[in-house]
Amino acid sequence: MKGILISIAGIPRSLSDFVPDNGLALLASCLLKNNIDVKIFDFNLPSIFDDIYDKNVKNFLEKFSKKVFIDGKKP
């Protein structure tokens, strides 16, 4: 048997929308243990910014996320 698990949150509302879906990973592991071949398609990708937000918003979000998540500073 084969299965497909799909993750799509729609329009991203926060940066956490881009964190991989642990629930799908857990479900996939259970299916694999039961001899079900499964694939995960995760469409919550940062590249979706190009399709949804204009350049100014995208630049702001990139700077903000770097400041908070990489540099460890407060917003």
PDB file of N, CA and C in Angstrom:
ATOM      1  N   MET A   1       0.843  -1.168   0.000  1.00  0.00           N
ATOM      2  CA  MET A   1       0.000   0.000   0.000  1.00  0.00           C
ATOM      3  C   MET A   1       0.894   1.239   0.000  1.00  0.00           C
ATOM      4  N   LYS A   2       0.389   2.325  -0.589  1.00  0.00           N
ATOM      5  CA  LYS A   2       1.130   3.582  -0.638  1.00  0.00           C
ATOM      6  C   LYS A   2       0.256   4.712  -0.115  1.00  0.00           C
ATOM      7  N   GLY A   3       0.913   5.746   0.396  1.00  0.00           N
ATOM      8  CA  GLY A   3       0.183   6.896   0.898  1.00  0.00           C
ATOM      9  C   GLY A   3       0.934   8.187   0.643  1.00  0.00           C
ATOM     10  N   ILE A   4       0.186   9.275   0.630  1.00  0.00           N
ATOM     11  CA  ILE A   4       0.766  10.614   0.477  1.00  0.00           C
ATOM     12  C   ILE A   4       0.230  11.477   1.610  1.00  0.00           C
ATOM     13  N   LEU A   5       1.132  12.179   2.292  1.00  0.00           N
ATOM     14  CA  LEU A   5       0.752  13.136   3.331  1.00  0.00           C
ATOM     15  C   LEU A   5       1.130  14.522   2.821  1.00  0.00           C
ATOM     16  N   ILE A   6       0.183  15.451   2.877  1.00  0.00           N
ATOM     17  CA  ILE A   6       0.412  16.789   2.331  1.00  0.00           C
ATOM     18  C   ILE A   6       0.225  17.816   3.436  1.00  0.00           C
ATOM     19  N   SER A   7       1.158  18.764   3.509  1.00  0.00           N
ATOM     20  CA  SER A   7       1.068  19.859   4.475  1.00  0.00           C
ATOM     21  C   SER A   7       1.037  21.178   3.714  1.00  0.00           C
ATOM     22  N   ILE A   8      -0.054  21.921   3.902  1.00  0.00           N
ATOM     23  CA  ILE A   8      -0.150  23.255   3.321  1.00  0.00           C
ATOM     24  C   ILE A   8      -0.989  24.109   4.267  1.00  0.00           C
ATOM     25  N   ALA A   9      -0.405  25.186   4.738  1.00  0.00           N
ATOM     26  CA  ALA A   9      -1.074  26.030   5.723  1.00  0.00           C
ATOM     27  C   ALA A   9      -1.830  27.184   5.076  1.00  0.00           C
ATOM     28  N   GLY A  10      -1.688  27.348   3.778  1.00  0.00           N
ATOM     29  CA  GLY A  10      -2.303  28.500   3.126  1.00  0.00           C
ATOM     30  C   GLY A  10      -1.383  29.699   3.248  1.00  0.00           C
ATOM     31  N   ILE A  11      -1.953  30.870   3.392  1.00  0.00           N
ATOM     32  CA  ILE A  11      -1.146  32.085   3.508  1.00  0.00           C
ATOM     33  C   ILE A  11      -0.452  32.081   4.860  1.00  0.00           C
ATOM     34  N   PRO A  12       0.878  32.186   4.874  1.00  0.00           N
ATOM     35  CA  PRO A  12       1.598  32.168   6.154  1.00  0.00           C
ATOM     36  C   PRO A  12       1.246  33.371   7.019  1.00  0.00           C
ATOM     37  N   ARG A  13       1.000  33.111   8.284  1.00  0.00           N
ATOM     38  CA  ARG A  13       0.662  34.176   9.232  1.00  0.00           C
ATOM     39  C   ARG A  13       1.818  34.472  10.187  1.00  0.00           C
ATOM     40  N   SER A  14       2.731  33.519  10.324  1.00  0.00           N
ATOM     41  CA  SER A  14       3.897  33.724  11.183  1.00  0.00           C
ATOM     42  C   SER A  14       5.034  32.851  10.674  1.00  0.00           C
ATOM     43  N   LEU A  15       6.228  33.131  11.147  1.00  0.00           N
ATOM     44  CA  LEU A  15       7.388  32.361  10.700  1.00  0.00           C
ATOM     45  C   LEU A  15       7.297  30.904  11.126  1.00  0.00           C
ATOM     46  N   SER A  16       6.559  30.634  12.200  1.00  0.00           N
ATOM     47  CA  SER A  16       6.427  29.247  12.650  1.00  0.00           C
ATOM     48  C   SER A  16       5.645  28.390  11.648  1.00  0.00           C
ATOM     49  N   ASP A  17       4.934  29.029  10.718  1.00  0.00           N
ATOM     50  CA  ASP A  17       4.236  28.268   9.679  1.00  0.00           C
ATOM     51  C   ASP A  17       5.208  27.514   8.779  1.00  0.00           C
ATOM     52  N   PHE A  18       6.484  27.891   8.814  1.00  0.00           N
ATOM     53  CA  PHE A  18       7.482  27.256   7.962  1.00  0.00           C
ATOM     54  C   PHE A  18       8.261  26.149   8.668  1.00  0.00           C
ATOM     55  N   VAL A  19       7.922  25.882   9.919  1.00  0.00           N
ATOM     56  CA  VAL A  19       8.565  24.790  10.652  1.00  0.00           C
ATOM     57  C   VAL A  19       7.971  23.478  10.144  1.00  0.00           C
ATOM     58  N   PRO A  20       8.812  22.485   9.859  1.00  0.00           N
ATOM     59  CA  PRO A  20       8.278  21.209   9.369  1.00  0.00           C
ATOM     60  C   PRO A  20       7.232  20.624  10.318  1.00  0.00           C
ATOM     61  N   ASP A  21       6.243  19.986   9.745  1.00  0.00           N
ATOM     62  CA  ASP A  21       5.116  19.439  10.492  1.00  0.00           C
ATOM     63  C   ASP A  21       5.518  18.132  11.183  1.00  0.00           C
ATOM     64  N   ASN A  22       5.774  18.195  12.495  1.00  0.00           N
ATOM     65  CA  ASN A  22       6.172  17.002  13.257  1.00  0.00           C
ATOM     66  C   ASN A  22       5.071  15.950  13.281  1.00  0.00           C
ATOM     67  N   GLY A  23       3.827  16.393  13.250  1.00  0.00           N
ATOM     68  CA  GLY A  23       2.716  15.453  13.257  1.00  0.00           C
ATOM     69  C   GLY A  23       2.726  14.556  12.024  1.00  0.00           C
ATOM     70  N   LEU A  24       3.026  15.152  10.870  1.00  0.00           N
ATOM     71  CA  LEU A  24       3.100  14.347   9.648  1.00  0.00           C
ATOM     72  C   LEU A  24       4.278  13.388   9.704  1.00  0.00           C
ATOM     73  N   ALA A  25       5.387  13.832  10.269  1.00  0.00           N
ATOM     74  CA  ALA A  25       6.564  12.962  10.389  1.00  0.00           C
ATOM     75  C   ALA A  25       6.251  11.768  11.293  1.00  0.00           C
ATOM     76  N   LEU A  26       5.567  12.014  12.396  1.00  0.00           N
ATOM     77  CA  LEU A  26       5.182  10.932  13.304  1.00  0.00           C
ATOM     78  C   LEU A  26       4.216   9.963  12.623  1.00  0.00           C
ATOM     79  N   LEU A  27       3.231  10.526  11.935  1.00  0.00           N
ATOM     80  CA  LEU A  27       2.280   9.683  11.215  1.00  0.00           C
ATOM     81  C   LEU A  27       2.984   8.849  10.148  1.00  0.00           C
ATOM     82  N   ALA A  28       3.912   9.464   9.420  1.00  0.00           N
ATOM     83  CA  ALA A  28       4.661   8.738   8.386  1.00  0.00           C
ATOM     84  C   ALA A  28       5.464   7.592   8.998  1.00  0.00           C
ATOM     85  N   SER A  29       6.075   7.826  10.161  1.00  0.00           N
ATOM     86  CA  SER A  29       6.863   6.755  10.791  1.00  0.00           C
ATOM     87  C   SER A  29       5.976   5.578  11.185  1.00  0.00           C
ATOM     88  N   CYS A  30       4.768   5.859  11.666  1.00  0.00           N
ATOM     89  CA  CYS A  30       3.832   4.778  12.018  1.00  0.00           C
ATOM     90  C   CYS A  30       3.402   4.002  10.776  1.00  0.00           C
ATOM     91  N   LEU A  31       3.153   4.719   9.694  1.00  0.00           N
ATOM     92  CA  LEU A  31       2.763   4.050   8.451  1.00  0.00           C
ATOM     93  C   LEU A  31       3.896   3.180   7.921  1.00  0.00           C
ATOM     94  N   LEU A  32       5.120   3.700   7.977  1.00  0.00           N
ATOM     95  CA  LEU A  32       6.275   2.928   7.505  1.00  0.00           C
ATOM     96  C   LEU A  32       6.469   1.652   8.323  1.00  0.00           C
ATOM     97  N   LYS A  33       6.262   1.750   9.642  1.00  0.00           N
ATOM     98  CA  LYS A  33       6.396   0.566  10.499  1.00  0.00           C
ATOM     99  C   LYS A  33       5.357  -0.499  10.161  1.00  0.00           C
ATOM    100  N   ASN A  34       4.267  -0.065   9.543  1.00  0.00           N
ATOM    101  CA  ASN A  34       3.210  -0.996   9.146  1.00  0.00           C
ATOM    102  C   ASN A  34       3.264  -1.315   7.652  1.00  0.00           C
ATOM    103  N   ASN A  35       4.474  -1.179   7.098  1.00  0.00           N
ATOM    104  CA  ASN A  35       4.740  -1.541   5.699  1.00  0.00           C
ATOM    105  C   ASN A  35       3.907  -0.761   4.685  1.00  0.00           C
ATOM    106  N   ILE A  36       3.630   0.496   5.003  1.00  0.00           N
ATOM    107  CA  ILE A  36       2.939   1.370   4.056  1.00  0.00           C
ATOM    108  C   ILE A  36       3.950   2.390   3.557  1.00  0.00           C
ATOM    109  N   ASP A  37       4.204   2.366   2.264  1.00  0.00           N
ATOM    110  CA  ASP A  37       5.139   3.306   1.647  1.00  0.00           C
ATOM    111  C   ASP A  37       4.475   4.680   1.625  1.00  0.00           C
ATOM    112  N   VAL A  38       5.139   5.668   2.199  1.00  0.00           N
ATOM    113  CA  VAL A  38       4.516   6.987   2.326  1.00  0.00           C
ATOM    114  C   VAL A  38       5.492   8.084   1.920  1.00  0.00           C
ATOM    115  N   LYS A  39       4.951   9.126   1.339  1.00  0.00           N
ATOM    116  CA  LYS A  39       5.731  10.314   0.973  1.00  0.00           C
ATOM    117  C   LYS A  39       5.074  11.519   1.634  1.00  0.00           C
ATOM    118  N   ILE A  40       5.913  12.481   2.058  1.00  0.00           N
ATOM    119  CA  ILE A  40       5.408  13.731   2.620  1.00  0.00           C
ATOM    120  C   ILE A  40       5.715  14.850   1.634  1.00  0.00           C
ATOM    121  N   PHE A  41       4.698  15.627   1.303  1.00  0.00           N
ATOM    122  CA  PHE A  41       4.874  16.826   0.489  1.00  0.00           C
ATOM    123  C   PHE A  41       4.557  18.024   1.373  1.00  0.00           C
ATOM    124  N   ASP A  42       5.576  18.836   1.647  1.00  0.00           N
ATOM    125  CA  ASP A  42       5.429  20.000   2.514  1.00  0.00           C
ATOM    126  C   ASP A  42       5.504  21.252   1.651  1.00  0.00           C
ATOM    127  N   PHE A  43       4.364  21.923   1.494  1.00  0.00           N
ATOM    128  CA  PHE A  43       4.303  23.117   0.659  1.00  0.00           C
ATOM    129  C   PHE A  43       4.433  24.407   1.463  1.00  0.00           C
ATOM    130  N   ASN A  44       4.799  24.310   2.725  1.00  0.00           N
ATOM    131  CA  ASN A  44       5.004  25.489   3.571  1.00  0.00           C
ATOM    132  C   ASN A  44       6.459  25.926   3.456  1.00  0.00           C
ATOM    133  N   LEU A  45       6.808  26.497   2.331  1.00  0.00           N
ATOM    134  CA  LEU A  45       8.190  26.855   2.035  1.00  0.00           C
ATOM    135  C   LEU A  45       8.379  28.366   2.043  1.00  0.00           C
ATOM    136  N   PRO A  46       9.531  28.834   2.511  1.00  0.00           N
ATOM    137  CA  PRO A  46       9.789  30.281   2.480  1.00  0.00           C
ATOM    138  C   PRO A  46       9.698  30.884   1.081  1.00  0.00           C
ATOM    139  N   SER A  47       9.922  30.094   0.042  1.00  0.00           N
ATOM    140  CA  SER A  47       9.838  30.630  -1.317  1.00  0.00           C
ATOM    141  C   SER A  47       8.423  31.082  -1.674  1.00  0.00           C
ATOM    142  N   ILE A  48       7.433  30.685  -0.868  1.00  0.00           N
ATOM    143  CA  ILE A  48       6.065  31.122  -1.116  1.00  0.00           C
ATOM    144  C   ILE A  48       5.930  32.636  -0.914  1.00  0.00           C
ATOM    145  N   PHE A  49       6.881  33.230  -0.148  1.00  0.00           N
ATOM    146  CA  PHE A  49       6.878  34.684   0.032  1.00  0.00           C
ATOM    147  C   PHE A  49       6.855  35.412  -1.301  1.00  0.00           C
ATOM    148  N   ASP A  50       7.583  34.896  -2.280  1.00  0.00           N
ATOM    149  CA  ASP A  50       7.651  35.543  -3.592  1.00  0.00           C
ATOM    150  C   ASP A  50       6.284  35.615  -4.263  1.00  0.00           C
ATOM    151  N   ASP A  51       5.443  34.638  -3.996  1.00  0.00           N
ATOM    152  CA  ASP A  51       4.132  34.593  -4.631  1.00  0.00           C
ATOM    153  C   ASP A  51       3.074  35.390  -3.883  1.00  0.00           C
ATOM    154  N   ILE A  52       3.304  35.669  -2.602  1.00  0.00           N
ATOM    155  CA  ILE A  52       2.265  36.283  -1.773  1.00  0.00           C
ATOM    156  C   ILE A  52       2.559  37.738  -1.410  1.00  0.00           C
ATOM    157  N   TYR A  53       3.802  38.017  -1.020  1.00  0.00           N
ATOM    158  CA  TYR A  53       4.125  39.340  -0.495  1.00  0.00           C
ATOM    159  C   TYR A  53       4.907  40.174  -1.496  1.00  0.00           C
ATOM    160  N   ASP A  54       4.714  41.496  -1.422  1.00  0.00           N
ATOM    161  CA  ASP A  54       5.514  42.359  -2.291  1.00  0.00           C
ATOM    162  C   ASP A  54       6.933  42.473  -1.739  1.00  0.00           C
ATOM    163  N   LYS A  55       7.802  43.100  -2.496  1.00  0.00           N
ATOM    164  CA  LYS A  55       9.232  43.136  -2.165  1.00  0.00           C
ATOM    165  C   LYS A  55       9.504  43.801  -0.812  1.00  0.00           C
ATOM    166  N   ASN A  56       8.787  44.878  -0.481  1.00  0.00           N
ATOM    167  CA  ASN A  56       9.023  45.580   0.789  1.00  0.00           C
ATOM    168  C   ASN A  56       8.690  44.699   1.994  1.00  0.00           C
ATOM    169  N   VAL A  57       7.565  44.010   1.929  1.00  0.00           N
ATOM    170  CA  VAL A  57       7.175  43.129   3.033  1.00  0.00           C
ATOM    171  C   VAL A  57       8.159  41.970   3.143  1.00  0.00           C
ATOM    172  N   LYS A  58       8.533  41.406   2.013  1.00  0.00           N
ATOM    173  CA  LYS A  58       9.484  40.290   2.008  1.00  0.00           C
ATOM    174  C   LYS A  58      10.812  40.711   2.632  1.00  0.00           C
ATOM    175  N   ASN A  59      11.333  41.885   2.260  1.00  0.00           N
ATOM    176  CA  ASN A  59      12.598  42.364   2.822  1.00  0.00           C
ATOM    177  C   ASN A  59      12.494  42.564   4.328  1.00  0.00           C
ATOM    178  N   PHE A  60      11.375  43.141   4.788  1.00  0.00           N
ATOM    179  CA  PHE A  60      11.179  43.343   6.221  1.00  0.00           C
ATOM    180  C   PHE A  60      11.176  42.002   6.958  1.00  0.00           C
ATOM    181  N   LEU A  61      10.427  41.026   6.437  1.00  0.00           N
ATOM    182  CA  LEU A  61      10.340  39.725   7.096  1.00  0.00           C
ATOM    183  C   LEU A  61      11.678  38.997   7.117  1.00  0.00           C
ATOM    184  N   GLU A  62      12.458  39.132   6.057  1.00  0.00           N
ATOM    185  CA  GLU A  62      13.781  38.501   6.031  1.00  0.00           C
ATOM    186  C   GLU A  62      14.705  39.122   7.076  1.00  0.00           C
ATOM    187  N   LYS A  63      14.698  40.453   7.190  1.00  0.00           N
ATOM    188  CA  LYS A  63      15.537  41.127   8.194  1.00  0.00           C
ATOM    189  C   LYS A  63      15.068  40.783   9.607  1.00  0.00           C
ATOM    190  N   PHE A  64      13.750  40.797   9.803  1.00  0.00           N
ATOM    191  CA  PHE A  64      13.182  40.491  11.111  1.00  0.00           C
ATOM    192  C   PHE A  64      13.538  39.066  11.537  1.00  0.00           C
ATOM    193  N   SER A  65      13.359  38.101  10.632  1.00  0.00           N
ATOM    194  CA  SER A  65      13.637  36.709  10.990  1.00  0.00           C
ATOM    195  C   SER A  65      15.116  36.484  11.274  1.00  0.00           C
ATOM    196  N   LYS A  66      15.993  37.149  10.541  1.00  0.00           N
ATOM    197  CA  LYS A  66      17.434  37.034  10.809  1.00  0.00           C
ATOM    198  C   LYS A  66      17.749  37.583  12.196  1.00  0.00           C
ATOM    199  N   LYS A  67      17.182  38.747  12.503  1.00  0.00           N
ATOM    200  CA  LYS A  67      17.434  39.391  13.797  1.00  0.00           C
ATOM    201  C   LYS A  67      16.988  38.490  14.958  1.00  0.00           C
ATOM    202  N   VAL A  68      15.804  37.913  14.842  1.00  0.00           N
ATOM    203  CA  VAL A  68      15.232  37.129  15.937  1.00  0.00           C
ATOM    204  C   VAL A  68      15.781  35.706  15.986  1.00  0.00           C
ATOM    205  N   PHE A  69      15.795  35.013  14.840  1.00  0.00           N
ATOM    206  CA  PHE A  69      16.106  33.589  14.842  1.00  0.00           C
ATOM    207  C   PHE A  69      17.585  33.272  14.656  1.00  0.00           C
ATOM    208  N   ILE A  70      18.334  34.153  14.041  1.00  0.00           N
ATOM    209  CA  ILE A  70      19.758  33.882  13.826  1.00  0.00           C
ATOM    210  C   ILE A  70      20.618  34.670  14.803  1.00  0.00           C
ATOM    211  N   ASP A  71      20.348  35.972  14.919  1.00  0.00           N
ATOM    212  CA  ASP A  71      21.149  36.809  15.815  1.00  0.00           C
ATOM    213  C   ASP A  71      20.709  36.700  17.271  1.00  0.00           C
ATOM    214  N   GLY A  72      19.515  36.154  17.518  1.00  0.00           N
ATOM    215  CA  GLY A  72      19.024  35.952  18.880  1.00  0.00           C
ATOM    216  C   GLY A  72      18.628  37.223  19.595  1.00  0.00           C
ATOM    217  N   LYS A  73      18.269  38.262  18.844  1.00  0.00           N
ATOM    218  CA  LYS A  73      17.867  39.532  19.449  1.00  0.00           C
ATOM    219  C   LYS A  73      16.353  39.592  19.594  1.00  0.00           C
ATOM    220  N   LYS A  74      15.895  40.506  20.440  1.00  0.00           N
ATOM    221  CA  LYS A  74      14.459  40.696  20.616  1.00  0.00           C
ATOM    222  C   LYS A  74      13.905  41.526  19.457  1.00  0.00           C
ATOM    223  N   PRO A  75      12.644  41.275  19.105  1.00  0.00           N
ATOM    224  CA  PRO A  75      12.043  42.043  18.007  1.00  0.00           C
ATOM    225  C   PRO A  75      11.960  43.487  18.367  1.00  0.00           C
TER     226      PRO A  75
END
